[in-house]
Amino acid sequence: MQEKYIEKKLVAAVKDMGGIALKFVSPGVDGVPDRIVLLPMGRMAFVECKATGKKMRPIQEKRKKQLEALGFLVYCLDDIDQIGGILSEIQST
């Protein structure tokens, strides 16, 4: 599956839960995740969307580790079947 399709499905699923999935762009900082997922009750996480079977680049892995070291949840999504589990995990934290 293409990254664009997976990202679109994520945005729709988040919206269905009453949340928003903001496109994350940080000028001057490479490798930031694609989306900031904000769910009701103050739940949030970062999500990097990839085409099925694709992996994060080294700079993206570095950013993921930096954000996780600060206590944030960071996910790499490469299949629409992962969306429900990711959102459930975000919701339960």
PDB file of N, CA and C in Angstrom:
ATOM      1  N   MET A   1       0.823  -1.186   0.000  1.00  0.00           N
ATOM      2  CA  MET A   1       0.000   0.000   0.000  1.00  0.00           C
ATOM      3  C   MET A   1       0.869   1.252   0.000  1.00  0.00           C
ATOM      4  N   GLN A   2       0.371   2.266  -0.636  1.00  0.00           N
ATOM      5  CA  GLN A   2       1.110   3.525  -0.697  1.00  0.00           C
ATOM      6  C   GLN A   2       0.995   4.297   0.622  1.00  0.00           C
ATOM      7  N   GLU A   3       2.041   5.037   0.928  1.00  0.00           N
ATOM      8  CA  GLU A   3       2.081   5.831   2.157  1.00  0.00           C
ATOM      9  C   GLU A   3       0.902   6.797   2.239  1.00  0.00           C
ATOM     10  N   LYS A   4       0.593   7.438   1.131  1.00  0.00           N
ATOM     11  CA  LYS A   4      -0.487   8.422   1.086  1.00  0.00           C
ATOM     12  C   LYS A   4      -1.831   7.806   1.506  1.00  0.00           C
ATOM     13  N   TYR A   5      -2.091   6.592   1.030  1.00  0.00           N
ATOM     14  CA  TYR A   5      -3.337   5.890   1.336  1.00  0.00           C
ATOM     15  C   TYR A   5      -3.389   5.538   2.828  1.00  0.00           C
ATOM     16  N   ILE A   6      -2.285   5.017   3.349  1.00  0.00           N
ATOM     17  CA  ILE A   6      -2.212   4.649   4.763  1.00  0.00           C
ATOM     18  C   ILE A   6      -2.408   5.876   5.653  1.00  0.00           C
ATOM     19  N   GLU A   7      -1.760   6.967   5.273  1.00  0.00           N
ATOM     20  CA  GLU A   7      -1.882   8.211   6.051  1.00  0.00           C
ATOM     21  C   GLU A   7      -3.324   8.726   6.033  1.00  0.00           C
ATOM     22  N   LYS A   8      -3.968   8.646   4.893  1.00  0.00           N
ATOM     23  CA  LYS A   8      -5.365   9.085   4.760  1.00  0.00           C
ATOM     24  C   LYS A   8      -6.280   8.255   5.668  1.00  0.00           C
ATOM     25  N   LYS A   9      -6.046   6.956   5.727  1.00  0.00           N
ATOM     26  CA  LYS A   9      -6.847   6.071   6.583  1.00  0.00           C
ATOM     27  C   LYS A   9      -6.614   6.380   8.059  1.00  0.00           C
ATOM     28  N   LEU A  10      -5.380   6.693   8.423  1.00  0.00           N
ATOM     29  CA  LEU A  10      -5.074   7.081   9.795  1.00  0.00           C
ATOM     30  C   LEU A  10      -5.840   8.344  10.173  1.00  0.00           C
ATOM     31  N   VAL A  11      -5.780   9.351   9.332  1.00  0.00           N
ATOM     32  CA  VAL A  11      -6.452  10.625   9.604  1.00  0.00           C
ATOM     33  C   VAL A  11      -7.956  10.400   9.789  1.00  0.00           C
ATOM     34  N   ALA A  12      -8.554   9.569   8.935  1.00  0.00           N
ATOM     35  CA  ALA A  12      -9.989   9.287   9.026  1.00  0.00           C
ATOM     36  C   ALA A  12     -10.326   8.545  10.325  1.00  0.00           C
ATOM     37  N   ALA A  13      -9.506   7.575  10.702  1.00  0.00           N
ATOM     38  CA  ALA A  13      -9.755   6.799  11.920  1.00  0.00           C
ATOM     39  C   ALA A  13      -9.646   7.685  13.157  1.00  0.00           C
ATOM     40  N   VAL A  14      -8.673   8.567  13.171  1.00  0.00           N
ATOM     41  CA  VAL A  14      -8.511   9.495  14.296  1.00  0.00           C
ATOM     42  C   VAL A  14      -9.726  10.417  14.387  1.00  0.00           C
ATOM     43  N   LYS A  15     -10.174  10.910  13.251  1.00  0.00           N
ATOM     44  CA  LYS A  15     -11.347  11.791  13.213  1.00  0.00           C
ATOM     45  C   LYS A  15     -12.584  11.062  13.742  1.00  0.00           C
ATOM     46  N   ASP A  16     -12.742   9.789  13.361  1.00  0.00           N
ATOM     47  CA  ASP A  16     -13.876   8.991  13.829  1.00  0.00           C
ATOM     48  C   ASP A  16     -13.873   8.822  15.349  1.00  0.00           C
ATOM     49  N   MET A  17     -12.691   8.913  15.960  1.00  0.00           N
ATOM     50  CA  MET A  17     -12.571   8.793  17.416  1.00  0.00           C
ATOM     51  C   MET A  17     -12.731  10.148  18.114  1.00  0.00           C
ATOM     52  N   GLY A  18     -12.987  11.197  17.340  1.00  0.00           N
ATOM     53  CA  GLY A  18     -13.152  12.521  17.925  1.00  0.00           C
ATOM     54  C   GLY A  18     -11.852  13.282  18.086  1.00  0.00           C
ATOM     55  N   GLY A  19     -10.797  12.804  17.428  1.00  0.00           N
ATOM     56  CA  GLY A  19      -9.499  13.455  17.536  1.00  0.00           C
ATOM     57  C   GLY A  19      -9.086  14.128  16.245  1.00  0.00           C
ATOM     58  N   ILE A  20      -7.842  14.587  16.226  1.00  0.00           N
ATOM     59  CA  ILE A  20      -7.275  15.172  15.016  1.00  0.00           C
ATOM     60  C   ILE A  20      -5.858  14.631  14.825  1.00  0.00           C
ATOM     61  N   ALA A  21      -5.475  14.505  13.566  1.00  0.00           N
ATOM     62  CA  ALA A  21      -4.129  14.036  13.225  1.00  0.00           C
ATOM     63  C   ALA A  21      -3.464  15.136  12.408  1.00  0.00           C
ATOM     64  N   LEU A  22      -2.734  15.989  13.089  1.00  0.00           N
ATOM     65  CA  LEU A  22      -2.108  17.140  12.451  1.00  0.00           C
ATOM     66  C   LEU A  22      -0.873  16.729  11.656  1.00  0.00           C
ATOM     67  N   LYS A  23      -0.731  17.307  10.472  1.00  0.00           N
ATOM     68  CA  LYS A  23       0.488  17.112   9.691  1.00  0.00           C
ATOM     69  C   LYS A  23       1.599  17.845  10.424  1.00  0.00           C
ATOM     70  N   PHE A  24       2.700  17.158  10.662  1.00  0.00           N
ATOM     71  CA  PHE A  24       3.800  17.732  11.441  1.00  0.00           C
ATOM     72  C   PHE A  24       4.944  18.092  10.503  1.00  0.00           C
ATOM     73  N   VAL A  25       5.251  19.373  10.433  1.00  0.00           N
ATOM     74  CA  VAL A  25       6.378  19.868   9.655  1.00  0.00           C
ATOM     75  C   VAL A  25       7.183  20.772  10.574  1.00  0.00           C
ATOM     76  N   SER A  26       8.474  20.525  10.639  1.00  0.00           N
ATOM     77  CA  SER A  26       9.333  21.326  11.503  1.00  0.00           C
ATOM     78  C   SER A  26      10.508  21.834  10.678  1.00  0.00           C
ATOM     79  N   PRO A  27      10.383  23.041  10.110  1.00  0.00           N
ATOM     80  CA  PRO A  27      11.460  23.576   9.274  1.00  0.00           C
ATOM     81  C   PRO A  27      12.802  23.574  10.003  1.00  0.00           C
ATOM     82  N   GLY A  28      13.799  23.082   9.323  1.00  0.00           N
ATOM     83  CA  GLY A  28      15.142  23.054   9.893  1.00  0.00           C
ATOM     84  C   GLY A  28      15.447  21.812  10.705  1.00  0.00           C
ATOM     85  N   VAL A  29      14.450  20.953  10.911  1.00  0.00           N
ATOM     86  CA  VAL A  29      14.654  19.719  11.668  1.00  0.00           C
ATOM     87  C   VAL A  29      14.208  18.550  10.792  1.00  0.00           C
ATOM     88  N   ASP A  30      15.162  17.770  10.320  1.00  0.00           N
ATOM     89  CA  ASP A  30      14.852  16.632   9.463  1.00  0.00           C
ATOM     90  C   ASP A  30      14.406  15.429  10.274  1.00  0.00           C
ATOM     91  N   GLY A  31      13.598  14.581   9.642  1.00  0.00           N
ATOM     92  CA  GLY A  31      13.246  13.293  10.226  1.00  0.00           C
ATOM     93  C   GLY A  31      12.113  13.286  11.218  1.00  0.00           C
ATOM     94  N   VAL A  32      11.356  14.383  11.329  1.00  0.00           N
ATOM     95  CA  VAL A  32      10.238  14.379  12.272  1.00  0.00           C
ATOM     96  C   VAL A  32       9.109  13.494  11.736  1.00  0.00           C
ATOM     97  N   PRO A  33       8.319  12.884  12.623  1.00  0.00           N
ATOM     98  CA  PRO A  33       7.210  12.043  12.177  1.00  0.00           C
ATOM     99  C   PRO A  33       6.185  12.827  11.356  1.00  0.00           C
ATOM    100  N   ASP A  34       5.424  12.098  10.540  1.00  0.00           N
ATOM    101  CA  ASP A  34       4.447  12.725   9.641  1.00  0.00           C
ATOM    102  C   ASP A  34       3.272  13.382  10.363  1.00  0.00           C
ATOM    103  N   ARG A  35       2.784  12.743  11.413  1.00  0.00           N
ATOM    104  CA  ARG A  35       1.558  13.202  12.068  1.00  0.00           C
ATOM    105  C   ARG A  35       1.702  13.273  13.586  1.00  0.00           C
ATOM    106  N   ILE A  36       1.019  14.247  14.163  1.00  0.00           N
ATOM    107  CA  ILE A  36       0.819  14.303  15.608  1.00  0.00           C
ATOM    108  C   ILE A  36      -0.644  13.922  15.817  1.00  0.00           C
ATOM    109  N   VAL A  37      -0.867  12.822  16.490  1.00  0.00           N
ATOM    110  CA  VAL A  37      -2.224  12.336  16.737  1.00  0.00           C
ATOM    111  C   VAL A  37      -2.674  12.829  18.107  1.00  0.00           C
ATOM    112  N   LEU A  38      -3.780  13.557  18.112  1.00  0.00           N
ATOM    113  CA  LEU A  38      -4.350  14.109  19.337  1.00  0.00           C
ATOM    114  C   LEU A  38      -5.732  13.495  19.542  1.00  0.00           C
ATOM    115  N   LEU A  39      -5.894  12.775  20.637  1.00  0.00           N
ATOM    116  CA  LEU A  39      -7.162  12.115  20.937  1.00  0.00           C
ATOM    117  C   LEU A  39      -7.802  12.752  22.165  1.00  0.00           C
ATOM    118  N   PRO A  40      -9.113  12.530  22.342  1.00  0.00           N
ATOM    119  CA  PRO A  40      -9.786  13.069  23.526  1.00  0.00           C
ATOM    120  C   PRO A  40      -9.088  12.636  24.818  1.00  0.00           C
ATOM    121  N   MET A  41      -9.285  13.396  25.848  1.00  0.00           N
ATOM    122  CA  MET A  41      -8.722  13.166  27.174  1.00  0.00           C
ATOM    123  C   MET A  41      -7.211  13.438  27.211  1.00  0.00           C
ATOM    124  N   GLY A  42      -6.721  14.266  26.293  1.00  0.00           N
ATOM    125  CA  GLY A  42      -5.325  14.678  26.317  1.00  0.00           C
ATOM    126  C   GLY A  42      -4.331  13.622  25.881  1.00  0.00           C
ATOM    127  N   ARG A  43      -4.760  12.645  25.121  1.00  0.00           N
ATOM    128  CA  ARG A  43      -3.864  11.589  24.642  1.00  0.00           C
ATOM    129  C   ARG A  43      -3.205  12.045  23.349  1.00  0.00           C
ATOM    130  N   MET A  44      -1.894  11.790  23.230  1.00  0.00           N
ATOM    131  CA  MET A  44      -1.194  12.187  22.003  1.00  0.00           C
ATOM    132  C   MET A  44      -0.025  11.270  21.715  1.00  0.00           C
ATOM    133  N   ALA A  45       0.320  11.212  20.430  1.00  0.00           N
ATOM    134  CA  ALA A  45       1.479  10.436  19.990  1.00  0.00           C
ATOM    135  C   ALA A  45       1.897  10.937  18.616  1.00  0.00           C
ATOM    136  N   PHE A  46       3.089  10.559  18.217  1.00  0.00           N
ATOM    137  CA  PHE A  46       3.606  10.872  16.891  1.00  0.00           C
ATOM    138  C   PHE A  46       3.520   9.608  16.035  1.00  0.00           C
ATOM    139  N   VAL A  47       3.179   9.775  14.761  1.00  0.00           N
ATOM    140  CA  VAL A  47       3.087   8.625  13.856  1.00  0.00           C
ATOM    141  C   VAL A  47       3.826   8.935  12.557  1.00  0.00           C
ATOM    142  N   GLU A  48       4.752   8.058  12.217  1.00  0.00           N
ATOM    143  CA  GLU A  48       5.459   8.111  10.932  1.00  0.00           C
ATOM    144  C   GLU A  48       4.781   7.103  10.018  1.00  0.00           C
ATOM    145  N   CYS A  49       4.264   7.573   8.903  1.00  0.00           N
ATOM    146  CA  CYS A  49       3.599   6.695   7.935  1.00  0.00           C
ATOM    147  C   CYS A  49       4.587   6.290   6.849  1.00  0.00           C
ATOM    148  N   LYS A  50       4.521   5.022   6.488  1.00  0.00           N
ATOM    149  CA  LYS A  50       5.394   4.468   5.455  1.00  0.00           C
ATOM    150  C   LYS A  50       4.580   3.578   4.527  1.00  0.00           C
ATOM    151  N   ALA A  51       5.038   3.428   3.298  1.00  0.00           N
ATOM    152  CA  ALA A  51       4.436   2.459   2.392  1.00  0.00           C
ATOM    153  C   ALA A  51       4.673   1.070   2.981  1.00  0.00           C
ATOM    154  N   THR A  52       3.788   0.152   2.682  1.00  0.00           N
ATOM    155  CA  THR A  52       3.887  -1.198   3.237  1.00  0.00           C
ATOM    156  C   THR A  52       5.275  -1.795   3.001  1.00  0.00           C
ATOM    157  N   GLY A  53       5.869  -2.264   4.090  1.00  0.00           N
ATOM    158  CA  GLY A  53       7.176  -2.903   4.023  1.00  0.00           C
ATOM    159  C   GLY A  53       8.363  -1.963   4.078  1.00  0.00           C
ATOM    160  N   LYS A  54       8.124  -0.664   4.007  1.00  0.00           N
ATOM    161  CA  LYS A  54       9.224   0.306   4.063  1.00  0.00           C
ATOM    162  C   LYS A  54       9.598   0.592   5.513  1.00  0.00           C
ATOM    163  N   LYS A  55      10.845   0.909   5.737  1.00  0.00           N
ATOM    164  CA  LYS A  55      11.367   1.189   7.074  1.00  0.00           C
ATOM    165  C   LYS A  55      11.733   2.672   7.203  1.00  0.00           C
ATOM    166  N   MET A  56      11.853   3.125   8.437  1.00  0.00           N
ATOM    167  CA  MET A  56      12.261   4.500   8.681  1.00  0.00           C
ATOM    168  C   MET A  56      13.731   4.689   8.312  1.00  0.00           C
ATOM    169  N   ARG A  57      14.043   5.888   7.817  1.00  0.00           N
ATOM    170  CA  ARG A  57      15.433   6.241   7.515  1.00  0.00           C
ATOM    171  C   ARG A  57      16.180   6.466   8.832  1.00  0.00           C
ATOM    172  N   PRO A  58      17.501   6.396   8.801  1.00  0.00           N
ATOM    173  CA  PRO A  58      18.277   6.591  10.040  1.00  0.00           C
ATOM    174  C   PRO A  58      17.941   7.893  10.778  1.00  0.00           C
ATOM    175  N   ILE A  59      17.744   8.996  10.071  1.00  0.00           N
ATOM    176  CA  ILE A  59      17.418  10.260  10.739  1.00  0.00           C
ATOM    177  C   ILE A  59      16.042  10.168  11.400  1.00  0.00           C
ATOM    178  N   GLN A  60      15.132   9.421  10.795  1.00  0.00           N
ATOM    179  CA  GLN A  60      13.811   9.248  11.396  1.00  0.00           C
ATOM    180  C   GLN A  60      13.901   8.384  12.657  1.00  0.00           C
ATOM    181  N   GLU A  61      14.739   7.369  12.615  1.00  0.00           N
ATOM    182  CA  GLU A  61      14.969   6.535  13.808  1.00  0.00           C
ATOM    183  C   GLU A  61      15.559   7.385  14.939  1.00  0.00           C
ATOM    184  N   LYS A  62      16.482   8.273  14.566  1.00  0.00           N
ATOM    185  CA  LYS A  62      17.097   9.162  15.560  1.00  0.00           C
ATOM    186  C   LYS A  62      16.042  10.059  16.213  1.00  0.00           C
ATOM    187  N   ARG A  63      15.177  10.664  15.407  1.00  0.00           N
ATOM    188  CA  ARG A  63      14.111  11.530  15.946  1.00  0.00           C
ATOM    189  C   ARG A  63      13.159  10.730  16.825  1.00  0.00           C
ATOM    190  N   LYS A  64      12.834   9.505  16.395  1.00  0.00           N
ATOM    191  CA  LYS A  64      11.952   8.632  17.178  1.00  0.00           C
ATOM    192  C   LYS A  64      12.554   8.404  18.565  1.00  0.00           C
ATOM    193  N   LYS A  65      13.823   8.079  18.609  1.00  0.00           N
ATOM    194  CA  LYS A  65      14.492   7.838  19.894  1.00  0.00           C
ATOM    195  C   LYS A  65      14.526   9.102  20.752  1.00  0.00           C
ATOM    196  N   GLN A  66      14.756  10.253  20.120  1.00  0.00           N
ATOM    197  CA  GLN A  66      14.770  11.520  20.867  1.00  0.00           C
ATOM    198  C   GLN A  66      13.411  11.791  21.502  1.00  0.00           C
ATOM    199  N   LEU A  67      12.347  11.616  20.723  1.00  0.00           N
ATOM    200  CA  LEU A  67      10.998  11.868  21.231  1.00  0.00           C
ATOM    201  C   LEU A  67      10.623  10.863  22.319  1.00  0.00           C
ATOM    202  N   GLU A  68      10.988   9.610  22.124  1.00  0.00           N
ATOM    203  CA  GLU A  68      10.701   8.589  23.139  1.00  0.00           C
ATOM    204  C   GLU A  68      11.478   8.865  24.428  1.00  0.00           C
ATOM    205  N   ALA A  69      12.693   9.368  24.310  1.00  0.00           N
ATOM    206  CA  ALA A  69      13.488   9.714  25.492  1.00  0.00           C
ATOM    207  C   ALA A  69      12.828  10.832  26.299  1.00  0.00           C
ATOM    208  N   LEU A  70      12.023  11.637  25.628  1.00  0.00           N
ATOM    209  CA  LEU A  70      11.285  12.703  26.306  1.00  0.00           C
ATOM    210  C   LEU A  70       9.943  12.207  26.859  1.00  0.00           C
ATOM    211  N   GLY A  71       9.646  10.929  26.613  1.00  0.00           N
ATOM    212  CA  GLY A  71       8.427  10.340  27.158  1.00  0.00           C
ATOM    213  C   GLY A  71       7.249  10.267  26.204  1.00  0.00           C
ATOM    214  N   PHE A  72       7.454  10.601  24.939  1.00  0.00           N
ATOM    215  CA  PHE A  72       6.366  10.567  23.968  1.00  0.00           C
ATOM    216  C   PHE A  72       6.275   9.204  23.286  1.00  0.00           C
ATOM    217  N   LEU A  73       5.053   8.854  22.893  1.00  0.00           N
ATOM    218  CA  LEU A  73       4.838   7.648  22.097  1.00  0.00           C
ATOM    219  C   LEU A  73       5.109   7.984  20.633  1.00  0.00           C
ATOM    220  N   VAL A  74       5.837   7.097  19.943  1.00  0.00           N
ATOM    221  CA  VAL A  74       6.139   7.292  18.528  1.00  0.00           C
ATOM    222  C   VAL A  74       5.939   5.957  17.820  1.00  0.00           C
ATOM    223  N   TYR A  75       5.161   5.968  16.751  1.00  0.00           N
ATOM    224  CA  TYR A  75       4.851   4.748  16.016  1.00  0.00           C
ATOM    225  C   TYR A  75       5.262   4.873  14.557  1.00  0.00           C
ATOM    226  N   CYS A  76       5.598   3.743  13.972  1.00  0.00           N
ATOM    227  CA  CYS A  76       5.815   3.659  12.532  1.00  0.00           C
ATOM    228  C   CYS A  76       4.682   2.803  11.979  1.00  0.00           C
ATOM    229  N   LEU A  77       3.876   3.386  11.127  1.00  0.00           N
ATOM    230  CA  LEU A  77       2.688   2.745  10.569  1.00  0.00           C
ATOM    231  C   LEU A  77       2.926   2.425   9.100  1.00  0.00           C
ATOM    232  N   ASP A  78       2.856   1.120   8.743  1.00  0.00           N
ATOM    233  CA  ASP A  78       3.048   0.758   7.325  1.00  0.00           C
ATOM    234  C   ASP A  78       1.959  -0.171   6.801  1.00  0.00           C
ATOM    235  N   ASP A  79       0.856  -0.293   7.561  1.00  0.00           N
ATOM    236  CA  ASP A  79      -0.252  -1.144   7.135  1.00  0.00           C
ATOM    237  C   ASP A  79      -1.523  -0.648   7.816  1.00  0.00           C
ATOM    238  N   ILE A  80      -2.603  -0.528   7.076  1.00  0.00           N
ATOM    239  CA  ILE A  80      -3.845  -0.012   7.672  1.00  0.00           C
ATOM    240  C   ILE A  80      -4.366  -0.918   8.783  1.00  0.00           C
ATOM    241  N   ASP A  81      -3.982  -2.193   8.770  1.00  0.00           N
ATOM    242  CA  ASP A  81      -4.414  -3.111   9.827  1.00  0.00           C
ATOM    243  C   ASP A  81      -3.786  -2.767  11.181  1.00  0.00           C
ATOM    244  N   GLN A  82      -2.758  -1.944  11.198  1.00  0.00           N
ATOM    245  CA  GLN A  82      -2.104  -1.539  12.448  1.00  0.00           C
ATOM    246  C   GLN A  82      -2.798  -0.348  13.108  1.00  0.00           C
ATOM    247  N   ILE A  83      -3.637   0.345  12.362  1.00  0.00           N
ATOM    248  CA  ILE A  83      -4.217   1.606  12.846  1.00  0.00           C
ATOM    249  C   ILE A  83      -5.008   1.408  14.143  1.00  0.00           C
ATOM    250  N   GLY A  84      -5.899   0.428  14.169  1.00  0.00           N
ATOM    251  CA  GLY A  84      -6.721   0.202  15.362  1.00  0.00           C
ATOM    252  C   GLY A  84      -5.882  -0.059  16.606  1.00  0.00           C
ATOM    253  N   GLY A  85      -4.873  -0.892  16.470  1.00  0.00           N
ATOM    254  CA  GLY A  85      -4.014  -1.201  17.614  1.00  0.00           C
ATOM    255  C   GLY A  85      -3.238  -0.001  18.102  1.00  0.00           C
ATOM    256  N   ILE A  86      -2.716   0.777  17.168  1.00  0.00           N
ATOM    257  CA  ILE A  86      -1.972   1.980  17.538  1.00  0.00           C
ATOM    258  C   ILE A  86      -2.869   2.967  18.276  1.00  0.00           C
ATOM    259  N   LEU A  87      -4.067   3.203  17.733  1.00  0.00           N
ATOM    260  CA  LEU A  87      -4.971   4.161  18.360  1.00  0.00           C
ATOM    261  C   LEU A  87      -5.457   3.674  19.723  1.00  0.00           C
ATOM    262  N   SER A  88      -5.674   2.369  19.865  1.00  0.00           N
ATOM    263  CA  SER A  88      -6.055   1.801  21.162  1.00  0.00           C
ATOM    264  C   SER A  88      -4.947   2.006  22.182  1.00  0.00           C
ATOM    265  N   GLU A  89      -3.721   1.796  21.745  1.00  0.00           N
ATOM    266  CA  GLU A  89      -2.578   1.975  22.637  1.00  0.00           C
ATOM    267  C   GLU A  89      -2.439   3.430  23.077  1.00  0.00           C
ATOM    268  N   ILE A  90      -2.606   4.357  22.136  1.00  0.00           N
ATOM    269  CA  ILE A  90      -2.530   5.783  22.471  1.00  0.00           C
ATOM    270  C   ILE A  90      -3.630   6.133  23.468  1.00  0.00           C
ATOM    271  N   GLN A  91      -4.814   5.638  23.221  1.00  0.00           N
ATOM    272  CA  GLN A  91      -5.968   5.939  24.064  1.00  0.00           C
ATOM    273  C   GLN A  91      -5.803   5.410  25.491  1.00  0.00           C
ATOM    274  N   SER A  92      -5.114   4.289  25.633  1.00  0.00           N
ATOM    275  CA  SER A  92      -5.005   3.646  26.946  1.00  0.00           C
ATOM    276  C   SER A  92      -3.814   4.132  27.771  1.00  0.00           C
ATOM    277  N   THR A  93      -3.031   5.072  27.245  1.00  0.00           N
ATOM    278  CA  THR A  93      -1.870   5.549  27.999  1.00  0.00           C
ATOM    279  C   THR A  93      -2.210   6.749  28.848  1.00  0.00           C
TER     280      THR A  93
END
